[in-house]
């Protein structure tokens, strides 16, 4: 029975009172606009963040270029196989 009461008492916030539920810090319009201005600045952070972002974009370009090259090879091999099959004897 102790396990049952413990399980009931540990439900995600069902037993909380109104005073303890509102303990979080309230944000005002001025504090939100300050955060928004910091996020929206041009330049996008430090140099290392820009380098990491550029490396990620370069990695995607290289990856998809390799995928495209493989598919191009498959298509070329298919066309060559078709012409080889279609040759007169």
PDB file of N, CA and C in Angstrom:
ATOM      1  N   UNK A   1       0.820  -1.191   0.000  1.00  0.00           N
ATOM      2  CA  UNK A   1       0.000   0.000   0.000  1.00  0.00           C
ATOM      3  C   UNK A   1       0.865   1.257   0.000  1.00  0.00           C
ATOM      4  N   UNK A   2       2.032   1.188   0.576  1.00  0.00           N
ATOM      5  CA  UNK A   2       2.922   2.345   0.598  1.00  0.00           C
ATOM      6  C   UNK A   2       3.371   2.693  -0.817  1.00  0.00           C
ATOM      7  N   UNK A   3       3.552   1.677  -1.667  1.00  0.00           N
ATOM      8  CA  UNK A   3       3.955   1.932  -3.040  1.00  0.00           C
ATOM      9  C   UNK A   3       2.851   2.630  -3.823  1.00  0.00           C
ATOM     10  N   UNK A   4       1.603   2.243  -3.566  1.00  0.00           N
ATOM     11  CA  UNK A   4       0.481   2.860  -4.262  1.00  0.00           C
ATOM     12  C   UNK A   4       0.331   4.327  -3.915  1.00  0.00           C
ATOM     13  N   UNK A   5       0.493   4.668  -2.624  1.00  0.00           N
ATOM     14  CA  UNK A   5       0.360   6.074  -2.233  1.00  0.00           C
ATOM     15  C   UNK A   5       1.540   6.886  -2.736  1.00  0.00           C
ATOM     16  N   UNK A   6       2.708   6.262  -2.804  1.00  0.00           N
ATOM     17  CA  UNK A   6       3.874   6.967  -3.322  1.00  0.00           C
ATOM     18  C   UNK A   6       3.703   7.248  -4.812  1.00  0.00           C
ATOM     19  N   UNK A   7       3.158   6.292  -5.539  1.00  0.00           N
ATOM     20  CA  UNK A   7       2.955   6.476  -6.969  1.00  0.00           C
ATOM     21  C   UNK A   7       1.925   7.557  -7.234  1.00  0.00           C
ATOM     22  N   UNK A   8       0.869   7.609  -6.401  1.00  0.00           N
ATOM     23  CA  UNK A   8      -0.160   8.640  -6.599  1.00  0.00           C
ATOM     24  C   UNK A   8       0.382  10.025  -6.261  1.00  0.00           C
ATOM     25  N   UNK A   9       1.193  10.114  -5.235  1.00  0.00           N
ATOM     26  CA  UNK A   9       1.716  11.407  -4.810  1.00  0.00           C
ATOM     27  C   UNK A   9       2.779  11.948  -5.754  1.00  0.00           C
ATOM     28  N   UNK A  10       3.294  11.118  -6.653  1.00  0.00           N
ATOM     29  CA  UNK A  10       4.373  11.540  -7.529  1.00  0.00           C
ATOM     30  C   UNK A  10       3.882  11.782  -8.956  1.00  0.00           C
ATOM     31  N   UNK A  11       2.667  12.190  -9.116  1.00  0.00           N
ATOM     32  CA  UNK A  11       2.168  12.523 -10.451  1.00  0.00           C
ATOM     33  C   UNK A  11       2.639  13.907 -10.806  1.00  0.00           C
ATOM     34  N   UNK A  12       2.953  14.116 -12.037  1.00  0.00           N
ATOM     35  CA  UNK A  12       3.561  15.354 -12.510  1.00  0.00           C
ATOM     36  C   UNK A  12       2.790  16.617 -12.209  1.00  0.00           C
ATOM     37  N   UNK A  13       2.695  17.027 -10.981  1.00  0.00           N
ATOM     38  CA  UNK A  13       2.136  18.319 -10.629  1.00  0.00           C
ATOM     39  C   UNK A  13       0.672  18.296 -10.242  1.00  0.00           C
ATOM     40  N   UNK A  14       0.053  17.114 -10.159  1.00  0.00           N
ATOM     41  CA  UNK A  14      -1.366  17.052  -9.831  1.00  0.00           C
ATOM     42  C   UNK A  14      -1.625  17.493  -8.406  1.00  0.00           C
ATOM     43  N   UNK A  15      -0.677  17.288  -7.499  1.00  0.00           N
ATOM     44  CA  UNK A  15      -0.886  17.615  -6.104  1.00  0.00           C
ATOM     45  C   UNK A  15      -0.313  18.960  -5.713  1.00  0.00           C
ATOM     46  N   UNK A  16       0.135  19.747  -6.613  1.00  0.00           N
ATOM     47  CA  UNK A  16       0.745  21.036  -6.274  1.00  0.00           C
ATOM     48  C   UNK A  16      -0.322  22.068  -5.984  1.00  0.00           C
ATOM     49  N   UNK A  17       0.014  22.975  -5.104  1.00  0.00           N
ATOM     50  CA  UNK A  17      -0.908  24.067  -4.827  1.00  0.00           C
ATOM     51  C   UNK A  17      -0.646  25.206  -5.799  1.00  0.00           C
ATOM     52  N   UNK A  18      -1.562  26.130  -5.883  1.00  0.00           N
ATOM     53  CA  UNK A  18      -1.432  27.240  -6.806  1.00  0.00           C
ATOM     54  C   UNK A  18      -0.243  28.124  -6.501  1.00  0.00           C
ATOM     55  N   UNK A  19       0.115  28.270  -5.229  1.00  0.00           N
ATOM     56  CA  UNK A  19       1.229  29.137  -4.859  1.00  0.00           C
ATOM     57  C   UNK A  19       2.561  28.548  -5.305  1.00  0.00           C
ATOM     58  N   UNK A  20       2.714  27.231  -5.184  1.00  0.00           N
ATOM     59  CA  UNK A  20       4.001  26.648  -5.548  1.00  0.00           C
ATOM     60  C   UNK A  20       4.119  26.453  -7.054  1.00  0.00           C
ATOM     61  N   UNK A  21       3.000  26.406  -7.762  1.00  0.00           N
ATOM     62  CA  UNK A  21       3.061  26.199  -9.207  1.00  0.00           C
ATOM     63  C   UNK A  21       3.557  27.444  -9.919  1.00  0.00           C
ATOM     64  N   UNK A  22       3.345  28.630  -9.357  1.00  0.00           N
ATOM     65  CA  UNK A  22       3.729  29.862 -10.025  1.00  0.00           C
ATOM     66  C   UNK A  22       5.042  30.429  -9.541  1.00  0.00           C
ATOM     67  N   UNK A  23       5.970  29.591  -9.128  1.00  0.00           N
ATOM     68  CA  UNK A  23       7.245  30.059  -8.610  1.00  0.00           C
ATOM     69  C   UNK A  23       8.170  30.592  -9.680  1.00  0.00           C
ATOM     70  N   UNK A  24       7.917  30.268 -10.936  1.00  0.00           N
ATOM     71  CA  UNK A  24       8.827  30.658 -12.003  1.00  0.00           C
ATOM     72  C   UNK A  24       8.920  32.158 -12.169  1.00  0.00           C
ATOM     73  N   UNK A  25       9.981  32.602 -12.759  1.00  0.00           N
ATOM     74  CA  UNK A  25      10.218  34.015 -12.976  1.00  0.00           C
ATOM     75  C   UNK A  25       9.398  34.504 -14.156  1.00  0.00           C
ATOM     76  N   UNK A  26       8.713  35.591 -13.976  1.00  0.00           N
ATOM     77  CA  UNK A  26       7.896  36.126 -15.056  1.00  0.00           C
ATOM     78  C   UNK A  26       8.746  37.025 -15.932  1.00  0.00           C
ATOM     79  N   UNK A  27       8.501  36.946 -17.237  1.00  0.00           N
ATOM     80  CA  UNK A  27       9.257  37.786 -18.159  1.00  0.00           C
ATOM     81  C   UNK A  27       8.404  38.978 -18.552  1.00  0.00           C
ATOM     82  N   UNK A  28       9.057  40.083 -18.709  1.00  0.00           N
ATOM     83  CA  UNK A  28       8.364  41.291 -19.136  1.00  0.00           C
ATOM     84  C   UNK A  28       8.640  41.523 -20.609  1.00  0.00           C
ATOM     85  N   UNK A  29       7.910  42.414 -21.203  1.00  0.00           N
ATOM     86  CA  UNK A  29       8.083  42.713 -22.621  1.00  0.00           C
ATOM     87  C   UNK A  29       9.486  43.254 -22.895  1.00  0.00           C
ATOM     88  N   UNK A  30      10.031  44.045 -21.972  1.00  0.00           N
ATOM     89  CA  UNK A  30      11.355  44.615 -22.207  1.00  0.00           C
ATOM     90  C   UNK A  30      12.443  43.542 -22.150  1.00  0.00           C
ATOM     91  N   UNK A  31      12.304  42.558 -21.268  1.00  0.00           N
ATOM     92  CA  UNK A  31      13.333  41.517 -21.203  1.00  0.00           C
ATOM     93  C   UNK A  31      13.245  40.605 -22.422  1.00  0.00           C
ATOM     94  N   UNK A  32      12.037  40.381 -22.934  1.00  0.00           N
ATOM     95  CA  UNK A  32      11.903  39.559 -24.135  1.00  0.00           C
ATOM     96  C   UNK A  32      12.469  40.264 -25.349  1.00  0.00           C
ATOM     97  N   UNK A  33      12.265  41.567 -25.473  1.00  0.00           N
ATOM     98  CA  UNK A  33      12.784  42.282 -26.638  1.00  0.00           C
ATOM     99  C   UNK A  33      14.306  42.323 -26.607  1.00  0.00           C
ATOM    100  N   UNK A  34      14.896  42.354 -25.421  1.00  0.00           N
ATOM    101  CA  UNK A  34      16.348  42.322 -25.313  1.00  0.00           C
ATOM    102  C   UNK A  34      16.915  41.005 -25.809  1.00  0.00           C
ATOM    103  N   UNK A  35      16.238  39.913 -25.488  1.00  0.00           N
ATOM    104  CA  UNK A  35      16.681  38.605 -25.963  1.00  0.00           C
ATOM    105  C   UNK A  35      16.514  38.507 -27.460  1.00  0.00           C
ATOM    106  N   UNK A  36      15.417  39.035 -27.958  1.00  0.00           N
ATOM    107  CA  UNK A  36      15.151  38.978 -29.389  1.00  0.00           C
ATOM    108  C   UNK A  36      16.189  39.786 -30.155  1.00  0.00           C
ATOM    109  N   UNK A  37      16.587  40.934 -29.620  1.00  0.00           N
ATOM    110  CA  UNK A  37      17.579  41.766 -30.293  1.00  0.00           C
ATOM    111  C   UNK A  37      18.936  41.066 -30.316  1.00  0.00           C
ATOM    112  N   UNK A  38      19.260  40.349 -29.246  1.00  0.00           N
ATOM    113  CA  UNK A  38      20.547  39.652 -29.207  1.00  0.00           C
ATOM    114  C   UNK A  38      20.561  38.506 -30.211  1.00  0.00           C
ATOM    115  N   UNK A  39      19.435  37.823 -30.380  1.00  0.00           N
ATOM    116  CA  UNK A  39      19.388  36.714 -31.319  1.00  0.00           C
ATOM    117  C   UNK A  39      19.390  37.199 -32.755  1.00  0.00           C
ATOM    118  N   UNK A  40      18.764  38.325 -33.015  1.00  0.00           N
ATOM    119  CA  UNK A  40      18.575  38.773 -34.376  1.00  0.00           C
ATOM    120  C   UNK A  40      19.714  39.609 -34.943  1.00  0.00           C
ATOM    121  N   UNK A  41      20.802  39.735 -34.237  1.00  0.00           N
ATOM    122  CA  UNK A  41      21.882  40.582 -34.735  1.00  0.00           C
ATOM    123  C   UNK A  41      22.550  39.951 -35.951  1.00  0.00           C
ATOM    124  N   UNK A  42      23.096  40.805 -36.775  1.00  0.00           N
ATOM    125  CA  UNK A  42      23.784  40.304 -37.966  1.00  0.00           C
ATOM    126  C   UNK A  42      25.174  39.841 -37.590  1.00  0.00           C
ATOM    127  N   UNK A  43      25.721  38.934 -38.365  1.00  0.00           N
ATOM    128  CA  UNK A  43      27.039  38.419 -38.068  1.00  0.00           C
ATOM    129  C   UNK A  43      26.967  37.034 -37.469  1.00  0.00           C
ATOM    130  N   UNK A  44      25.936  36.726 -36.725  1.00  0.00           N
ATOM    131  CA  UNK A  44      25.665  35.394 -36.251  1.00  0.00           C
ATOM    132  C   UNK A  44      26.650  34.813 -35.266  1.00  0.00           C
ATOM    133  N   UNK A  45      27.090  35.548 -34.304  1.00  0.00           N
ATOM    134  CA  UNK A  45      27.882  34.967 -33.235  1.00  0.00           C
ATOM    135  C   UNK A  45      29.373  35.072 -33.457  1.00  0.00           C
ATOM    136  N   UNK A  46      30.075  34.220 -32.751  1.00  0.00           N
ATOM    137  CA  UNK A  46      31.533  34.290 -32.784  1.00  0.00           C
ATOM    138  C   UNK A  46      32.093  33.671 -34.058  1.00  0.00           C
ATOM    139  N   UNK A  47      33.368  33.857 -34.235  1.00  0.00           N
ATOM    140  CA  UNK A  47      34.049  33.343 -35.428  1.00  0.00           C
ATOM    141  C   UNK A  47      33.990  31.820 -35.474  1.00  0.00           C
ATOM    142  N   UNK A  48      34.147  31.172 -34.337  1.00  0.00           N
ATOM    143  CA  UNK A  48      34.130  29.708 -34.320  1.00  0.00           C
ATOM    144  C   UNK A  48      32.762  29.174 -34.708  1.00  0.00           C
ATOM    145  N   UNK A  49      31.703  29.850 -34.298  1.00  0.00           N
ATOM    146  CA  UNK A  49      30.362  29.413 -34.687  1.00  0.00           C
ATOM    147  C   UNK A  49      30.172  29.542 -36.189  1.00  0.00           C
ATOM    148  N   UNK A  50      30.689  30.612 -36.776  1.00  0.00           N
ATOM    149  CA  UNK A  50      30.569  30.781 -38.233  1.00  0.00           C
ATOM    150  C   UNK A  50      31.375  29.725 -38.965  1.00  0.00           C
ATOM    151  N   UNK A  51      32.545  29.383 -38.446  1.00  0.00           N
ATOM    152  CA  UNK A  51      33.381  28.365 -39.077  1.00  0.00           C
ATOM    153  C   UNK A  51      32.692  27.015 -39.005  1.00  0.00           C
ATOM    154  N   UNK A  52      32.097  26.701 -37.864  1.00  0.00           N
ATOM    155  CA  UNK A  52      31.389  25.431 -37.705  1.00  0.00           C
ATOM    156  C   UNK A  52      30.203  25.380 -38.652  1.00  0.00           C
ATOM    157  N   UNK A  53      29.465  26.486 -38.771  1.00  0.00           N
ATOM    158  CA  UNK A  53      28.309  26.527 -39.670  1.00  0.00           C
ATOM    159  C   UNK A  53      28.760  26.356 -41.117  1.00  0.00           C
ATOM    160  N   UNK A  54      29.858  27.018 -41.502  1.00  0.00           N
ATOM    161  CA  UNK A  54      30.376  26.893 -42.864  1.00  0.00           C
ATOM    162  C   UNK A  54      30.854  25.473 -43.131  1.00  0.00           C
ATOM    163  N   UNK A  55      31.477  24.850 -42.145  1.00  0.00           N
ATOM    164  CA  UNK A  55      31.936  23.472 -42.306  1.00  0.00           C
ATOM    165  C   UNK A  55      30.752  22.531 -42.473  1.00  0.00           C
ATOM    166  N   UNK A  56      29.659  22.795 -41.766  1.00  0.00           N
ATOM    167  CA  UNK A  56      28.463  21.964 -41.898  1.00  0.00           C
ATOM    168  C   UNK A  56      27.842  22.085 -43.276  1.00  0.00           C
ATOM    169  N   UNK A  57      27.820  23.297 -43.803  1.00  0.00           N
ATOM    170  CA  UNK A  57      27.273  23.513 -45.145  1.00  0.00           C
ATOM    171  C   UNK A  57      28.173  22.848 -46.175  1.00  0.00           C
ATOM    172  N   UNK A  58      29.485  22.987 -46.017  1.00  0.00           N
ATOM    173  CA  UNK A  58      30.428  22.352 -46.942  1.00  0.00           C
ATOM    174  C   UNK A  58      30.284  20.838 -46.903  1.00  0.00           C
ATOM    175  N   UNK A  59      30.097  20.288 -45.728  1.00  0.00           N
ATOM    176  CA  UNK A  59      29.932  18.838 -45.599  1.00  0.00           C
ATOM    177  C   UNK A  59      28.678  18.370 -46.322  1.00  0.00           C
ATOM    178  N   UNK A  60      27.594  19.127 -46.213  1.00  0.00           N
ATOM    179  CA  UNK A  60      26.362  18.762 -46.931  1.00  0.00           C
ATOM    180  C   UNK A  60      26.559  18.816 -48.436  1.00  0.00           C
ATOM    181  N   UNK A  61      27.229  19.849 -48.906  1.00  0.00           N
ATOM    182  CA  UNK A  61      27.476  19.985 -50.348  1.00  0.00           C
ATOM    183  C   UNK A  61      28.312  18.819 -50.858  1.00  0.00           C
ATOM    184  N   UNK A  62      29.364  18.472 -50.126  1.00  0.00           N
ATOM    185  CA  UNK A  62      30.222  17.358 -50.546  1.00  0.00           C
ATOM    186  C   UNK A  62      29.445  16.050 -50.516  1.00  0.00           C
ATOM    187  N   UNK A  63      28.665  15.841 -49.474  1.00  0.00           N
ATOM    188  CA  UNK A  63      27.889  14.602 -49.363  1.00  0.00           C
ATOM    189  C   UNK A  63      26.913  14.462 -50.520  1.00  0.00           C
ATOM    190  N   UNK A  64      26.136  15.506 -50.796  1.00  0.00           N
ATOM    191  CA  UNK A  64      25.148  15.414 -51.865  1.00  0.00           C
ATOM    192  C   UNK A  64      25.798  15.384 -53.240  1.00  0.00           C
ATOM    193  N   UNK A  65      26.982  15.961 -53.374  1.00  0.00           N
ATOM    194  CA  UNK A  65      27.711  15.845 -54.643  1.00  0.00           C
ATOM    195  C   UNK A  65      28.132  14.401 -54.884  1.00  0.00           C
ATOM    196  N   UNK A  66      28.588  13.729 -53.836  1.00  0.00           N
ATOM    197  CA  UNK A  66      28.943  12.320 -53.962  1.00  0.00           C
ATOM    198  C   UNK A  66      27.722  11.459 -54.292  1.00  0.00           C
ATOM    199  N   UNK A  67      26.602  11.746 -53.663  1.00  0.00           N
ATOM    200  CA  UNK A  67      25.368  11.008 -53.962  1.00  0.00           C
ATOM    201  C   UNK A  67      24.975  11.221 -55.420  1.00  0.00           C
ATOM    202  N   UNK A  68      25.044  12.454 -55.892  1.00  0.00           N
ATOM    203  CA  UNK A  68      24.698  12.753 -57.284  1.00  0.00           C
ATOM    204  C   UNK A  68      25.674  12.061 -58.239  1.00  0.00           C
ATOM    205  N   UNK A  69      26.951  12.027 -57.885  1.00  0.00           N
ATOM    206  CA  UNK A  69      27.944  11.364 -58.742  1.00  0.00           C
ATOM    207  C   UNK A  69      27.676   9.867 -58.833  1.00  0.00           C
ATOM    208  N   UNK A  70      27.293   9.257 -57.729  1.00  0.00           N
ATOM    209  CA  UNK A  70      26.974   7.824 -57.751  1.00  0.00           C
ATOM    210  C   UNK A  70      25.769   7.560 -58.641  1.00  0.00           C
ATOM    211  N   UNK A  71      24.714   8.374 -58.494  1.00  0.00           N
ATOM    212  CA  UNK A  71      23.527   8.176 -59.333  1.00  0.00           C
ATOM    213  C   UNK A  71      23.838   8.437 -60.807  1.00  0.00           C
ATOM    214  N   UNK A  72      24.678   9.415 -61.069  1.00  0.00           N
ATOM    215  CA  UNK A  72      25.084   9.687 -62.447  1.00  0.00           C
ATOM    216  C   UNK A  72      25.825   8.480 -63.018  1.00  0.00           C
ATOM    217  N   UNK A  73      26.686   7.870 -62.209  1.00  0.00           N
ATOM    218  CA  UNK A  73      27.382   6.665 -62.639  1.00  0.00           C
ATOM    219  C   UNK A  73      26.424   5.521 -62.932  1.00  0.00           C
ATOM    220  N   UNK A  74      25.398   5.378 -62.125  1.00  0.00           N
ATOM    221  CA  UNK A  74      24.391   4.333 -62.355  1.00  0.00           C
ATOM    222  C   UNK A  74      23.660   4.587 -63.667  1.00  0.00           C
ATOM    223  N   UNK A  75      23.293   5.830 -63.933  1.00  0.00           N
ATOM    224  CA  UNK A  75      22.576   6.164 -65.164  1.00  0.00           C
ATOM    225  C   UNK A  75      23.476   5.930 -66.383  1.00  0.00           C
ATOM    226  N   UNK A  76      24.720   6.376 -66.311  1.00  0.00           N
ATOM    227  CA  UNK A  76      25.649   6.183 -67.429  1.00  0.00           C
ATOM    228  C   UNK A  76      25.878   4.690 -67.679  1.00  0.00           C
ATOM    229  N   UNK A  77      26.037   3.913 -66.632  1.00  0.00           N
ATOM    230  CA  UNK A  77      26.217   2.469 -66.790  1.00  0.00           C
ATOM    231  C   UNK A  77      24.975   1.843 -67.428  1.00  0.00           C
ATOM    232  N   UNK A  78      23.790   2.316 -67.048  1.00  0.00           N
ATOM    233  CA  UNK A  78      22.557   1.810 -67.650  1.00  0.00           C
ATOM    234  C   UNK A  78      22.467   2.143 -69.129  1.00  0.00           C
ATOM    235  N   UNK A  79      22.833   3.361 -69.493  1.00  0.00           N
ATOM    236  CA  UNK A  79      22.791   3.760 -70.910  1.00  0.00           C
ATOM    237  C   UNK A  79      23.812   2.952 -71.712  1.00  0.00           C
ATOM    238  N   UNK A  80      25.017   2.790 -71.178  1.00  0.00           N
ATOM    239  CA  UNK A  80      26.026   1.985 -71.870  1.00  0.00           C
ATOM    240  C   UNK A  80      25.574   0.528 -72.009  1.00  0.00           C
ATOM    241  N   UNK A  81      24.953  -0.007 -70.975  1.00  0.00           N
ATOM    242  CA  UNK A  81      24.458  -1.386 -71.046  1.00  0.00           C
ATOM    243  C   UNK A  81      23.368  -1.502 -72.116  1.00  0.00           C
ATOM    244  N   UNK A  82      22.509  -0.490 -72.193  1.00  0.00           N
ATOM    245  CA  UNK A  82      21.447  -0.521 -73.207  1.00  0.00           C
ATOM    246  C   UNK A  82      22.036  -0.511 -74.618  1.00  0.00           C
ATOM    247  N   UNK A  83      22.983   0.396 -74.876  1.00  0.00           N
ATOM    248  CA  UNK A  83      23.594   0.449 -76.196  1.00  0.00           C
ATOM    249  C   UNK A  83      24.402  -0.815 -76.506  1.00  0.00           C
ATOM    250  N   UNK A  84      25.058  -1.391 -75.529  1.00  0.00           N
ATOM    251  CA  UNK A  84      25.795  -2.623 -75.732  1.00  0.00           C
ATOM    252  C   UNK A  84      24.841  -3.766 -76.066  1.00  0.00           C
ATOM    253  N   UNK A  85      23.697  -3.795 -75.456  1.00  0.00           N
ATOM    254  CA  UNK A  85      22.688  -4.827 -75.722  1.00  0.00           C
ATOM    255  C   UNK A  85      22.072  -4.644 -77.098  1.00  0.00           C
ATOM    256  N   UNK A  86      21.934  -3.374 -77.507  1.00  0.00           N
ATOM    257  CA  UNK A  86      21.223  -3.046 -78.746  1.00  0.00           C
ATOM    258  C   UNK A  86      22.122  -3.121 -79.974  1.00  0.00           C
ATOM    259  N   UNK A  87      23.424  -3.373 -79.827  1.00  0.00           N
ATOM    260  CA  UNK A  87      24.328  -3.445 -80.973  1.00  0.00           C
ATOM    261  C   UNK A  87      23.944  -4.595 -81.888  1.00  0.00           C
ATOM    262  N   UNK A  88      24.077  -4.384 -83.212  1.00  0.00           N
ATOM    263  CA  UNK A  88      23.813  -5.517 -84.112  1.00  0.00           C
ATOM    264  C   UNK A  88      24.942  -6.537 -84.038  1.00  0.00           C
ATOM    265  N   UNK A  89      24.595  -7.777 -84.340  1.00  0.00           N
ATOM    266  CA  UNK A  89      25.602  -8.854 -84.262  1.00  0.00           C
ATOM    267  C   UNK A  89      26.401  -8.975 -85.509  1.00  0.00           C
TER     268      UNK A  89
END
